[in-house]
Amino acid sequence: MTDHNPHYADSCPRCLARDNRPTTGIAARGSLTAAYRCQACRHIWTCTWAVVPGRVLPPPPALERAA
């Protein structure tokens, strides 16, 4: 079976632009909390997913830059 969403892509809740890939993500205990920035309107949001084996996980956030 082919995974139709191999990168945890999501649609923007503001402008409904599709296939936005997460910019960062944190995986823990079988779930992924991913951060997104819309390619069209630049809106920022998060979404939580169940981790699917074989899907590409987004890079973790660079916490040293947040300080």
Protein backbone atom coordinates (compact mmCIF):
# COMPACT_ATOMS: atom_id res chain seq x y z
CA MET A 1 0.00 0.00 0.00
CA THR A 2 1.25 3.47 -0.85
CA ASP A 3 1.19 6.11 1.90
CA HIS A 4 -0.69 9.11 0.51
CA ASN A 5 0.87 11.42 3.11
CA PRO A 6 4.49 10.30 3.64
CA HIS A 7 5.59 13.65 5.18
CA TYR A 8 2.70 14.43 7.60
CA ALA A 9 1.56 17.26 5.29
CA ASP A 10 -1.43 19.31 6.44
CA SER A 11 -3.82 21.92 5.03
CA CYS A 12 -3.70 25.49 6.32
CA PRO A 13 -6.66 26.24 8.62
CA ARG A 14 -6.70 29.88 7.45
CA CYS A 15 -6.50 29.75 3.62
CA LEU A 16 -6.92 25.97 3.06
CA ALA A 17 -3.71 25.70 1.01
CA ARG A 18 -2.87 22.01 0.84
CA ASP A 19 0.26 19.89 1.27
CA ASN A 20 2.18 22.06 3.73
CA ARG A 21 5.00 19.97 5.17
CA PRO A 22 5.92 20.45 8.83
CA THR A 23 8.86 22.72 9.58
CA THR A 24 9.68 20.95 12.88
CA GLY A 25 8.23 18.25 15.08
CA ILE A 26 8.55 16.44 18.37
CA ALA A 27 7.82 12.69 18.50
CA ALA A 28 7.10 11.10 21.87
CA ARG A 29 5.20 7.97 23.00
CA GLY A 30 3.86 7.18 19.55
CA SER A 31 2.62 10.66 18.70
CA LEU A 32 4.06 13.56 16.73
CA THR A 33 3.37 17.23 17.40
CA ALA A 34 4.33 19.06 14.23
CA ALA A 35 4.68 22.80 13.55
CA TYR A 36 3.64 24.26 10.20
CA ARG A 37 3.98 27.52 8.28
CA CYS A 38 1.70 27.95 5.27
CA GLN A 39 3.52 28.40 1.97
CA ALA A 40 0.71 30.66 0.71
CA CYS A 41 -0.38 32.94 3.57
CA ARG A 42 2.43 32.33 6.15
CA HIS A 43 -0.04 31.32 8.90
CA ILE A 44 1.55 29.21 11.69
CA TRP A 45 -0.16 26.26 13.44
CA THR A 46 0.50 22.88 15.07
CA CYS A 47 -1.08 19.49 14.55
CA THR A 48 -0.74 16.22 16.47
CA TRP A 49 -0.50 12.92 14.60
CA ALA A 50 -0.09 9.24 15.49
CA VAL A 51 3.38 8.19 14.35
CA VAL A 52 3.16 5.95 11.28
CA PRO A 53 6.14 3.62 10.73
CA GLY A 54 7.93 4.50 7.48
CA ARG A 55 6.76 8.11 7.31
CA VAL A 56 9.38 10.87 7.19
CA LEU A 57 9.60 12.65 10.56
CA PRO A 58 10.24 16.40 10.51
CA PRO A 59 13.43 17.69 12.14
CA PRO A 60 13.26 18.51 15.85
CA PRO A 61 13.11 22.19 16.82
CA ALA A 62 16.42 23.94 17.40
CA LEU A 63 15.84 24.77 21.07
CA GLU A 64 19.07 26.73 21.48
CA ARG A 65 17.69 29.39 19.09
CA ALA A 66 14.53 29.82 21.17
CA ALA A 67 16.40 31.12 24.23
